[in-house]
């Protein structure tokens, strides 16, 4: 840092004003440096082995079910954040620990909380399902398997009528006959 002292400009104590400014700048720098050192950086959320299954619900309802099976791999993580697609409304959520089959606590949070939890968020209006893991992901490279099961309403889905362009042939299981109604 470079400071210039103008000896003709003095404060009421007779000291050059630049010296007072230099002292204030040094104090601010020390406080900022301490804040950087004392606030731990949150590691970026990582995952592996993600599997997603989409199931269409009643025709015309613009609803579908998503089953999302994922492994949280961020060492020390206590939460896993799953994005809710913009324009969708999550309902009937259920979240399970894959190791025990027990339900996990979860809530819906905004982008600021997800960012603080290690998610790279570009849209601050994005919402996430924040899953509280049964135990923190081990620092030694462990994992936490999570199953998220929910139904979603798609407000941006089209409800235009479509005509089938192909016919589907169904083959019955051996010993069973198909009944047409």
N, C-alpha and C. Protein backbone atom coordinates (compact mmCIF):
# COMPACT_ATOMS: atom_id res chain seq x y z
N UNK A 1 0.84 -1.16 0.00
CA UNK A 1 0.00 0.00 0.00
C UNK A 1 0.89 1.23 0.00
N UNK A 2 0.48 2.25 -0.74
CA UNK A 2 1.24 3.49 -0.81
C UNK A 2 0.40 4.60 -0.21
N UNK A 3 0.95 5.35 0.72
CA UNK A 3 0.26 6.47 1.33
C UNK A 3 1.10 7.73 1.10
N UNK A 4 0.45 8.80 0.80
CA UNK A 4 1.13 10.08 0.63
C UNK A 4 0.73 10.98 1.79
N UNK A 5 1.73 11.61 2.40
CA UNK A 5 1.46 12.49 3.53
C UNK A 5 1.55 13.92 3.05
N UNK A 6 0.49 14.69 3.30
CA UNK A 6 0.50 16.10 2.99
C UNK A 6 0.68 16.85 4.31
N UNK A 7 1.89 17.34 4.55
CA UNK A 7 2.14 17.95 5.86
C UNK A 7 1.30 19.17 6.15
N UNK A 8 0.78 19.83 5.14
CA UNK A 8 0.01 21.04 5.41
C UNK A 8 -1.41 20.72 5.86
N UNK A 9 -1.90 19.46 5.65
CA UNK A 9 -3.25 19.07 6.04
C UNK A 9 -3.13 18.30 7.35
N UNK A 10 -3.63 18.91 8.41
CA UNK A 10 -3.51 18.30 9.73
C UNK A 10 -4.88 18.26 10.41
N UNK A 11 -5.02 17.28 11.29
CA UNK A 11 -6.27 17.20 12.05
C UNK A 11 -6.17 18.09 13.28
N UNK A 12 -7.18 18.02 14.16
CA UNK A 12 -7.22 18.91 15.32
C UNK A 12 -6.13 18.59 16.34
N UNK A 13 -5.50 17.38 16.21
CA UNK A 13 -4.41 17.02 17.13
C UNK A 13 -3.04 17.41 16.58
N UNK A 14 -3.01 18.01 15.41
CA UNK A 14 -1.76 18.43 14.82
C UNK A 14 -1.05 17.36 14.03
N UNK A 15 -1.67 16.17 13.89
CA UNK A 15 -1.05 15.09 13.12
C UNK A 15 -1.53 15.15 11.68
N UNK A 16 -0.70 14.73 10.75
CA UNK A 16 -1.16 14.69 9.36
C UNK A 16 -2.35 13.73 9.22
N UNK A 17 -3.33 14.11 8.44
CA UNK A 17 -4.52 13.28 8.24
C UNK A 17 -4.17 11.96 7.59
N UNK A 18 -3.19 11.94 6.71
CA UNK A 18 -2.81 10.70 6.03
C UNK A 18 -2.37 9.64 7.03
N UNK A 19 -1.74 10.02 8.13
CA UNK A 19 -1.33 9.06 9.14
C UNK A 19 -2.55 8.41 9.80
N UNK A 20 -3.58 9.20 10.08
CA UNK A 20 -4.81 8.65 10.65
C UNK A 20 -5.48 7.70 9.66
N UNK A 21 -5.46 8.07 8.38
CA UNK A 21 -6.05 7.21 7.35
C UNK A 21 -5.25 5.92 7.23
N UNK A 22 -3.94 6.01 7.34
CA UNK A 22 -3.09 4.83 7.23
C UNK A 22 -3.37 3.89 8.39
N UNK A 23 -3.54 4.41 9.59
CA UNK A 23 -3.85 3.59 10.75
C UNK A 23 -5.19 2.89 10.58
N UNK A 24 -6.20 3.61 10.09
CA UNK A 24 -7.53 3.02 9.85
C UNK A 24 -7.46 1.94 8.79
N UNK A 25 -6.71 2.18 7.72
CA UNK A 25 -6.58 1.19 6.65
C UNK A 25 -5.88 -0.06 7.16
N UNK A 26 -4.85 0.10 8.00
CA UNK A 26 -4.15 -1.05 8.55
C UNK A 26 -5.07 -1.87 9.46
N UNK A 27 -5.89 -1.19 10.24
CA UNK A 27 -6.83 -1.88 11.12
C UNK A 27 -7.86 -2.66 10.30
N UNK A 28 -8.43 -2.05 9.27
CA UNK A 28 -9.39 -2.73 8.40
C UNK A 28 -8.77 -3.94 7.72
N UNK A 29 -7.52 -3.79 7.28
CA UNK A 29 -6.83 -4.90 6.62
C UNK A 29 -6.65 -6.06 7.60
N UNK A 30 -6.27 -5.77 8.83
CA UNK A 30 -6.07 -6.81 9.85
C UNK A 30 -7.39 -7.53 10.15
N UNK A 31 -8.49 -6.78 10.24
CA UNK A 31 -9.80 -7.38 10.51
C UNK A 31 -10.21 -8.28 9.35
N UNK A 32 -10.02 -7.82 8.12
CA UNK A 32 -10.38 -8.62 6.93
C UNK A 32 -9.54 -9.89 6.85
N UNK A 33 -8.24 -9.78 7.14
CA UNK A 33 -7.37 -10.95 7.11
C UNK A 33 -7.79 -11.97 8.17
N UNK A 34 -8.14 -11.50 9.37
CA UNK A 34 -8.60 -12.40 10.43
C UNK A 34 -9.90 -13.10 10.02
N UNK A 35 -10.81 -12.36 9.39
CA UNK A 35 -12.10 -12.94 8.97
C UNK A 35 -11.87 -14.02 7.92
N UNK A 36 -10.93 -13.80 7.01
CA UNK A 36 -10.64 -14.80 5.99
C UNK A 36 -10.06 -16.06 6.61
N UNK A 37 -9.18 -15.90 7.59
CA UNK A 37 -8.54 -17.05 8.21
C UNK A 37 -9.48 -17.81 9.13
N UNK A 38 -10.40 -17.12 9.79
CA UNK A 38 -11.26 -17.78 10.76
C UNK A 38 -12.52 -18.39 10.14
N UNK A 39 -12.93 -17.92 8.96
CA UNK A 39 -14.14 -18.50 8.35
C UNK A 39 -13.73 -19.64 7.41
N UNK A 40 -14.09 -20.87 7.78
CA UNK A 40 -13.70 -22.01 6.95
C UNK A 40 -14.44 -21.98 5.61
N UNK A 41 -13.76 -22.41 4.58
CA UNK A 41 -14.40 -22.49 3.29
C UNK A 41 -15.17 -23.81 3.23
N UNK A 42 -16.37 -23.74 2.71
CA UNK A 42 -17.21 -24.92 2.61
C UNK A 42 -16.85 -25.65 1.31
N UNK A 43 -16.53 -26.93 1.40
CA UNK A 43 -16.20 -27.65 0.17
C UNK A 43 -17.41 -27.78 -0.74
N UNK A 44 -17.15 -27.83 -2.01
CA UNK A 44 -18.20 -27.96 -3.02
C UNK A 44 -18.88 -29.33 -2.87
N UNK A 45 -20.21 -29.35 -2.98
CA UNK A 45 -20.96 -30.60 -2.88
C UNK A 45 -20.57 -31.52 -4.03
N UNK A 46 -20.26 -32.76 -3.70
CA UNK A 46 -19.95 -33.77 -4.72
C UNK A 46 -20.85 -34.97 -4.52
N UNK A 47 -21.03 -35.73 -5.57
CA UNK A 47 -21.90 -36.90 -5.52
C UNK A 47 -21.40 -37.93 -6.51
N UNK A 48 -21.91 -39.14 -6.41
CA UNK A 48 -21.55 -40.22 -7.33
C UNK A 48 -22.73 -41.17 -7.45
N UNK A 49 -22.66 -42.03 -8.46
CA UNK A 49 -23.64 -43.10 -8.65
C UNK A 49 -25.09 -42.63 -8.66
N UNK A 50 -25.36 -41.49 -9.27
CA UNK A 50 -26.73 -40.97 -9.29
C UNK A 50 -27.58 -41.77 -10.27
N UNK A 51 -28.78 -42.10 -9.83
CA UNK A 51 -29.76 -42.81 -10.66
C UNK A 51 -31.10 -42.09 -10.49
N UNK A 52 -31.73 -41.73 -11.62
CA UNK A 52 -33.02 -41.05 -11.58
C UNK A 52 -34.04 -41.86 -12.36
N UNK A 53 -35.21 -42.06 -11.76
CA UNK A 53 -36.32 -42.74 -12.45
C UNK A 53 -37.51 -41.79 -12.46
N UNK A 54 -38.06 -41.55 -13.64
CA UNK A 54 -39.24 -40.70 -13.79
C UNK A 54 -40.43 -41.59 -14.09
N UNK A 55 -41.52 -41.36 -13.39
CA UNK A 55 -42.76 -42.10 -13.64
C UNK A 55 -43.85 -41.09 -13.93
N UNK A 56 -44.49 -41.22 -15.06
CA UNK A 56 -45.61 -40.34 -15.40
C UNK A 56 -46.82 -40.77 -14.58
N UNK A 57 -47.49 -39.81 -13.99
CA UNK A 57 -48.69 -40.11 -13.20
C UNK A 57 -49.92 -39.97 -14.11
N UNK A 58 -51.09 -39.77 -13.56
CA UNK A 58 -52.34 -39.78 -14.33
C UNK A 58 -52.25 -38.89 -15.57
N UNK A 59 -52.70 -39.39 -16.71
CA UNK A 59 -52.66 -38.58 -17.93
C UNK A 59 -53.42 -37.26 -17.74
N UNK A 60 -52.85 -36.21 -18.24
CA UNK A 60 -53.48 -34.90 -18.16
C UNK A 60 -53.26 -34.18 -16.83
N UNK A 61 -52.62 -34.84 -15.86
CA UNK A 61 -52.43 -34.22 -14.55
C UNK A 61 -51.19 -33.33 -14.51
N UNK A 62 -50.33 -33.45 -15.50
CA UNK A 62 -49.05 -32.72 -15.53
C UNK A 62 -48.23 -33.04 -14.28
N UNK A 63 -48.37 -34.27 -13.76
CA UNK A 63 -47.62 -34.69 -12.59
C UNK A 63 -46.77 -35.90 -12.93
N UNK A 64 -45.64 -35.99 -12.27
CA UNK A 64 -44.78 -37.14 -12.42
C UNK A 64 -44.08 -37.41 -11.10
N UNK A 65 -43.60 -38.63 -10.94
CA UNK A 65 -42.91 -39.04 -9.74
C UNK A 65 -41.44 -39.20 -10.10
N UNK A 66 -40.58 -38.74 -9.22
CA UNK A 66 -39.14 -38.89 -9.41
C UNK A 66 -38.57 -39.67 -8.25
N UNK A 67 -37.83 -40.71 -8.55
CA UNK A 67 -37.08 -41.44 -7.54
C UNK A 67 -35.62 -41.18 -7.86
N UNK A 68 -34.91 -40.58 -6.91
CA UNK A 68 -33.53 -40.18 -7.12
C UNK A 68 -32.66 -40.88 -6.09
N UNK A 69 -31.76 -41.73 -6.54
CA UNK A 69 -30.87 -42.48 -5.68
C UNK A 69 -29.47 -41.93 -5.92
N UNK A 70 -28.81 -41.41 -4.89
CA UNK A 70 -27.53 -40.74 -5.08
C UNK A 70 -26.61 -41.02 -3.90
N UNK A 71 -25.32 -40.92 -4.14
CA UNK A 71 -24.32 -41.06 -3.09
C UNK A 71 -23.68 -39.70 -2.84
N UNK A 72 -23.82 -39.17 -1.64
CA UNK A 72 -23.15 -37.93 -1.27
C UNK A 72 -21.71 -38.28 -0.91
N UNK A 73 -20.73 -37.58 -1.51
CA UNK A 73 -19.32 -37.95 -1.31
C UNK A 73 -18.46 -36.82 -0.76
N UNK A 74 -19.04 -35.69 -0.41
CA UNK A 74 -18.25 -34.57 0.13
C UNK A 74 -17.85 -34.89 1.57
N UNK A 75 -16.55 -34.99 1.80
CA UNK A 75 -16.05 -35.33 3.14
C UNK A 75 -16.56 -34.33 4.17
N UNK A 76 -17.13 -34.85 5.26
CA UNK A 76 -17.62 -34.01 6.35
C UNK A 76 -19.02 -33.46 6.15
N UNK A 77 -19.62 -33.67 4.98
CA UNK A 77 -20.95 -33.10 4.69
C UNK A 77 -22.00 -33.66 5.65
N UNK A 78 -22.85 -32.77 6.15
CA UNK A 78 -23.97 -33.15 7.00
C UNK A 78 -25.30 -33.07 6.25
N UNK A 79 -25.26 -32.40 5.08
CA UNK A 79 -26.47 -32.21 4.27
C UNK A 79 -26.18 -32.57 2.82
N UNK A 80 -27.25 -32.94 2.12
CA UNK A 80 -27.20 -33.11 0.67
C UNK A 80 -28.31 -32.24 0.10
N UNK A 81 -28.00 -31.46 -0.94
CA UNK A 81 -28.97 -30.55 -1.56
C UNK A 81 -29.37 -31.09 -2.92
N UNK A 82 -30.67 -31.28 -3.12
CA UNK A 82 -31.20 -31.75 -4.40
C UNK A 82 -32.06 -30.64 -5.00
N UNK A 83 -31.73 -30.17 -6.23
CA UNK A 83 -32.48 -29.05 -6.80
C UNK A 83 -33.91 -29.44 -7.17
N UNK A 84 -34.82 -28.50 -7.00
CA UNK A 84 -36.20 -28.65 -7.47
C UNK A 84 -36.27 -27.85 -8.77
N UNK A 85 -36.63 -28.50 -9.83
CA UNK A 85 -36.66 -27.87 -11.15
C UNK A 85 -37.53 -26.61 -11.13
N UNK A 86 -37.01 -25.53 -11.70
CA UNK A 86 -37.78 -24.29 -11.77
C UNK A 86 -39.07 -24.54 -12.54
N UNK A 87 -40.17 -24.09 -11.99
CA UNK A 87 -41.48 -24.32 -12.61
C UNK A 87 -42.17 -25.55 -12.06
N UNK A 88 -41.49 -26.30 -11.19
CA UNK A 88 -42.08 -27.50 -10.60
C UNK A 88 -42.40 -27.25 -9.14
N UNK A 89 -43.36 -27.99 -8.65
CA UNK A 89 -43.75 -27.93 -7.24
C UNK A 89 -43.59 -29.32 -6.67
N UNK A 90 -42.67 -29.49 -5.71
CA UNK A 90 -42.44 -30.80 -5.12
C UNK A 90 -43.51 -31.09 -4.08
N UNK A 91 -44.07 -32.30 -4.13
CA UNK A 91 -45.07 -32.74 -3.16
C UNK A 91 -44.79 -34.19 -2.78
N UNK A 92 -45.35 -34.63 -1.69
CA UNK A 92 -45.26 -36.03 -1.25
C UNK A 92 -43.82 -36.52 -1.16
N UNK A 93 -42.90 -35.65 -0.68
CA UNK A 93 -41.51 -36.05 -0.60
C UNK A 93 -41.29 -37.07 0.51
N UNK A 94 -40.41 -37.98 0.25
CA UNK A 94 -39.94 -38.95 1.25
C UNK A 94 -38.46 -39.14 0.98
N UNK A 95 -37.66 -39.15 2.04
CA UNK A 95 -36.22 -39.30 1.88
C UNK A 95 -35.74 -40.37 2.85
N UNK A 96 -34.88 -41.28 2.34
CA UNK A 96 -34.44 -42.41 3.14
C UNK A 96 -32.92 -42.55 3.10
N UNK A 97 -32.38 -43.06 4.22
CA UNK A 97 -30.98 -43.46 4.27
C UNK A 97 -30.90 -44.85 3.67
N UNK A 98 -30.10 -45.02 2.63
CA UNK A 98 -30.05 -46.32 1.95
C UNK A 98 -29.37 -47.39 2.80
N UNK A 99 -28.52 -47.01 3.72
CA UNK A 99 -27.83 -48.00 4.55
C UNK A 99 -28.77 -48.64 5.56
N UNK A 100 -29.71 -47.85 6.11
CA UNK A 100 -30.60 -48.37 7.16
C UNK A 100 -32.05 -48.47 6.72
N UNK A 101 -32.42 -47.76 5.66
CA UNK A 101 -33.82 -47.72 5.23
C UNK A 101 -34.67 -46.77 6.04
N UNK A 102 -34.06 -46.10 7.02
CA UNK A 102 -34.82 -45.18 7.88
C UNK A 102 -35.03 -43.85 7.19
N UNK A 103 -36.17 -43.19 7.51
CA UNK A 103 -36.43 -41.86 6.92
C UNK A 103 -35.42 -40.84 7.42
N UNK A 104 -35.11 -39.88 6.57
CA UNK A 104 -34.21 -38.78 6.92
C UNK A 104 -35.00 -37.48 6.99
N UNK A 105 -34.54 -36.56 7.84
CA UNK A 105 -35.14 -35.24 7.92
C UNK A 105 -34.76 -34.44 6.69
N UNK A 106 -35.69 -33.59 6.22
CA UNK A 106 -35.41 -32.74 5.07
C UNK A 106 -36.29 -31.52 5.15
N UNK A 107 -35.90 -30.48 4.41
CA UNK A 107 -36.74 -29.29 4.25
C UNK A 107 -36.41 -28.65 2.91
N UNK A 108 -37.23 -27.70 2.51
CA UNK A 108 -37.02 -26.99 1.25
C UNK A 108 -36.37 -25.65 1.58
N UNK A 109 -35.23 -25.36 0.91
CA UNK A 109 -34.47 -24.14 1.19
C UNK A 109 -34.18 -23.41 -0.12
N UNK A 110 -33.77 -22.16 0.02
CA UNK A 110 -33.44 -21.34 -1.14
C UNK A 110 -31.98 -21.47 -1.55
N UNK A 111 -31.64 -20.76 -2.61
CA UNK A 111 -30.30 -20.81 -3.19
C UNK A 111 -29.21 -20.32 -2.25
N UNK A 112 -29.50 -19.33 -1.41
CA UNK A 112 -28.47 -18.80 -0.51
C UNK A 112 -28.03 -19.86 0.49
N UNK A 113 -28.96 -20.63 1.02
CA UNK A 113 -28.62 -21.68 1.98
C UNK A 113 -27.87 -22.81 1.28
N UNK A 114 -28.31 -23.16 0.07
CA UNK A 114 -27.62 -24.20 -0.69
C UNK A 114 -26.20 -23.78 -1.03
N UNK A 115 -26.02 -22.51 -1.39
CA UNK A 115 -24.68 -22.00 -1.70
C UNK A 115 -23.79 -22.10 -0.46
N UNK A 116 -24.32 -21.74 0.69
CA UNK A 116 -23.56 -21.83 1.94
C UNK A 116 -23.23 -23.28 2.27
N UNK A 117 -24.02 -24.22 1.75
CA UNK A 117 -23.78 -25.64 1.98
C UNK A 117 -22.88 -26.30 0.96
N UNK A 118 -22.35 -25.52 0.00
CA UNK A 118 -21.39 -26.07 -0.95
C UNK A 118 -21.91 -26.28 -2.36
N UNK A 119 -23.16 -25.89 -2.63
CA UNK A 119 -23.71 -26.05 -3.98
C UNK A 119 -23.35 -24.83 -4.82
N UNK A 120 -22.96 -25.06 -6.05
CA UNK A 120 -22.70 -23.94 -6.95
C UNK A 120 -24.05 -23.49 -7.50
N UNK A 121 -24.50 -22.35 -7.03
CA UNK A 121 -25.82 -21.84 -7.39
C UNK A 121 -25.65 -20.62 -8.29
N UNK A 122 -26.31 -20.65 -9.44
CA UNK A 122 -26.26 -19.47 -10.31
C UNK A 122 -27.57 -18.69 -10.25
N UNK A 123 -28.65 -19.35 -9.87
CA UNK A 123 -29.96 -18.71 -9.80
C UNK A 123 -30.38 -18.64 -8.33
N UNK A 124 -30.44 -17.44 -7.79
CA UNK A 124 -30.75 -17.28 -6.36
C UNK A 124 -32.20 -17.66 -6.04
N UNK A 125 -33.07 -17.76 -7.06
CA UNK A 125 -34.47 -18.14 -6.81
C UNK A 125 -34.67 -19.65 -6.83
N UNK A 126 -33.64 -20.41 -7.17
CA UNK A 126 -33.71 -21.87 -7.22
C UNK A 126 -34.01 -22.41 -5.83
N UNK A 127 -34.84 -23.44 -5.73
CA UNK A 127 -35.12 -24.08 -4.46
C UNK A 127 -34.52 -25.48 -4.45
N UNK A 128 -34.23 -25.96 -3.24
CA UNK A 128 -33.57 -27.24 -3.06
C UNK A 128 -34.23 -28.03 -1.93
N UNK A 129 -34.20 -29.35 -2.06
CA UNK A 129 -34.55 -30.21 -0.95
C UNK A 129 -33.25 -30.42 -0.19
N UNK A 130 -33.18 -29.93 1.06
CA UNK A 130 -31.98 -30.11 1.89
C UNK A 130 -32.21 -31.33 2.77
N UNK A 131 -31.42 -32.36 2.54
CA UNK A 131 -31.53 -33.61 3.28
C UNK A 131 -30.49 -33.62 4.39
N UNK A 132 -30.93 -33.85 5.62
CA UNK A 132 -30.01 -34.02 6.74
C UNK A 132 -29.55 -35.47 6.74
N UNK A 133 -28.26 -35.68 6.48
CA UNK A 133 -27.73 -37.03 6.40
C UNK A 133 -27.75 -37.71 7.77
N UNK A 134 -27.87 -39.02 7.78
CA UNK A 134 -27.92 -39.78 9.04
C UNK A 134 -26.63 -39.61 9.84
N UNK A 135 -25.55 -39.41 9.15
CA UNK A 135 -24.24 -39.19 9.76
C UNK A 135 -23.40 -38.41 8.76
N UNK A 136 -22.43 -37.62 9.22
CA UNK A 136 -21.59 -36.89 8.27
C UNK A 136 -20.82 -37.86 7.37
N UNK A 137 -20.57 -37.44 6.15
CA UNK A 137 -19.76 -38.26 5.24
C UNK A 137 -18.35 -38.33 5.83
N UNK A 138 -17.79 -39.53 5.99
CA UNK A 138 -16.47 -39.66 6.61
C UNK A 138 -15.38 -38.90 5.83
N UNK A 139 -14.44 -38.34 6.58
CA UNK A 139 -13.32 -37.62 5.97
C UNK A 139 -12.40 -38.56 5.20
N UNK A 140 -12.43 -39.83 5.55
CA UNK A 140 -11.53 -40.80 4.92
C UNK A 140 -12.03 -41.30 3.58
N UNK A 141 -12.95 -40.56 2.95
CA UNK A 141 -13.42 -40.95 1.63
C UNK A 141 -14.65 -41.81 1.64
N UNK A 142 -15.47 -41.70 2.64
CA UNK A 142 -16.68 -42.49 2.74
C UNK A 142 -17.80 -41.92 1.88
N UNK A 143 -19.00 -42.37 2.16
CA UNK A 143 -20.16 -41.94 1.38
C UNK A 143 -21.42 -42.03 2.20
N UNK A 144 -22.46 -41.38 1.73
CA UNK A 144 -23.79 -41.46 2.33
C UNK A 144 -24.79 -41.64 1.20
N UNK A 145 -25.46 -42.78 1.16
CA UNK A 145 -26.45 -43.07 0.11
C UNK A 145 -27.80 -42.52 0.53
N UNK A 146 -28.45 -41.81 -0.41
CA UNK A 146 -29.72 -41.16 -0.13
C UNK A 146 -30.72 -41.53 -1.22
N UNK A 147 -31.95 -41.81 -0.84
CA UNK A 147 -33.03 -42.06 -1.80
C UNK A 147 -34.08 -40.98 -1.59
N UNK A 148 -34.32 -40.18 -2.63
CA UNK A 148 -35.32 -39.10 -2.57
C UNK A 148 -36.47 -39.52 -3.47
N UNK A 149 -37.65 -39.60 -2.92
CA UNK A 149 -38.83 -40.03 -3.65
C UNK A 149 -39.89 -38.94 -3.51
N UNK A 150 -40.32 -38.36 -4.63
CA UNK A 150 -41.35 -37.32 -4.56
C UNK A 150 -42.13 -37.24 -5.85
N UNK A 151 -43.26 -36.58 -5.76
CA UNK A 151 -44.08 -36.29 -6.93
C UNK A 151 -43.92 -34.81 -7.23
N UNK A 152 -43.96 -34.47 -8.49
CA UNK A 152 -43.83 -33.06 -8.86
C UNK A 152 -44.93 -32.69 -9.83
N UNK A 153 -45.38 -31.47 -9.69
CA UNK A 153 -46.31 -30.87 -10.63
C UNK A 153 -45.49 -29.99 -11.54
N UNK A 154 -45.71 -30.12 -12.80
CA UNK A 154 -44.95 -29.33 -13.76
C UNK A 154 -45.83 -28.22 -14.28
N UNK A 155 -45.59 -26.99 -13.80
CA UNK A 155 -46.41 -25.87 -14.24
C UNK A 155 -46.06 -25.42 -15.65
N UNK A 156 -44.89 -25.84 -16.13
CA UNK A 156 -44.49 -25.44 -17.48
C UNK A 156 -44.77 -26.53 -18.51
N UNK A 157 -45.41 -27.63 -18.07
CA UNK A 157 -45.71 -28.72 -19.02
C UNK A 157 -46.91 -28.34 -19.88
N UNK A 158 -46.88 -28.80 -21.10
CA UNK A 158 -47.96 -28.52 -22.03
C UNK A 158 -49.06 -29.56 -21.86
N UNK A 159 -50.30 -29.13 -22.01
CA UNK A 159 -51.41 -30.08 -21.92
C UNK A 159 -52.08 -30.25 -23.28
N UNK A 160 -51.32 -29.98 -24.35
CA UNK A 160 -51.89 -30.15 -25.69
C UNK A 160 -52.20 -31.61 -25.94
N UNK A 161 -53.30 -31.85 -26.64
CA UNK A 161 -53.65 -33.23 -26.98
C UNK A 161 -52.71 -33.70 -28.08
N UNK A 162 -52.27 -34.92 -27.95
CA UNK A 162 -51.38 -35.49 -28.94
C UNK A 162 -51.99 -36.79 -29.43
N UNK A 163 -51.80 -37.05 -30.67
CA UNK A 163 -52.32 -38.29 -31.23
C UNK A 163 -51.17 -39.28 -31.35
N UNK A 164 -51.42 -40.53 -31.02
CA UNK A 164 -50.34 -41.51 -31.11
C UNK A 164 -49.90 -41.70 -32.55
N UNK A 165 -48.60 -41.78 -32.74
CA UNK A 165 -48.09 -41.96 -34.09
C UNK A 165 -47.59 -43.38 -34.30
N UNK A 166 -47.53 -44.17 -33.26
CA UNK A 166 -47.09 -45.55 -33.39
C UNK A 166 -48.04 -46.44 -32.63
N UNK A 167 -48.10 -47.69 -33.02
CA UNK A 167 -48.91 -48.64 -32.27
C UNK A 167 -47.96 -49.46 -31.39
N UNK A 168 -48.46 -49.87 -30.24
CA UNK A 168 -47.64 -50.64 -29.32
C UNK A 168 -48.18 -52.06 -29.28
N UNK A 169 -47.28 -53.00 -29.44
CA UNK A 169 -47.66 -54.40 -29.37
C UNK A 169 -47.25 -54.94 -28.02
N UNK A 170 -48.17 -55.57 -27.34
CA UNK A 170 -47.89 -56.13 -26.02
C UNK A 170 -47.87 -57.64 -26.13
N UNK A 171 -46.84 -58.24 -25.61
CA UNK A 171 -46.74 -59.69 -25.61
C UNK A 171 -47.08 -60.18 -24.21
N UNK A 172 -48.09 -61.06 -24.08
CA UNK A 172 -48.45 -61.54 -22.75
C UNK A 172 -47.39 -62.49 -22.20
N UNK A 173 -47.37 -62.62 -20.87
CA UNK A 173 -46.49 -63.60 -20.24
C UNK A 173 -46.99 -64.99 -20.62
N UNK A 174 -46.12 -65.97 -20.66
CA UNK A 174 -46.55 -67.33 -21.00
C UNK A 174 -47.68 -67.78 -20.07
N UNK A 175 -48.70 -68.37 -20.64
CA UNK A 175 -49.83 -68.89 -19.88
C UNK A 175 -50.90 -67.85 -19.58
N UNK A 176 -50.73 -66.60 -20.07
CA UNK A 176 -51.73 -65.56 -19.85
C UNK A 176 -52.17 -65.02 -21.19
N UNK A 177 -53.41 -64.64 -21.26
CA UNK A 177 -53.95 -64.06 -22.48
C UNK A 177 -54.27 -62.59 -22.21
N UNK A 178 -54.18 -61.78 -23.26
CA UNK A 178 -54.55 -60.38 -23.16
C UNK A 178 -56.05 -60.24 -23.34
N UNK A 179 -56.68 -59.41 -22.54
CA UNK A 179 -58.10 -59.13 -22.72
C UNK A 179 -58.23 -57.70 -23.21
N UNK A 180 -58.95 -57.51 -24.27
CA UNK A 180 -59.22 -56.16 -24.77
C UNK A 180 -60.57 -55.73 -24.26
N UNK A 181 -60.66 -54.51 -23.77
CA UNK A 181 -61.96 -54.02 -23.29
C UNK A 181 -62.42 -52.88 -24.13
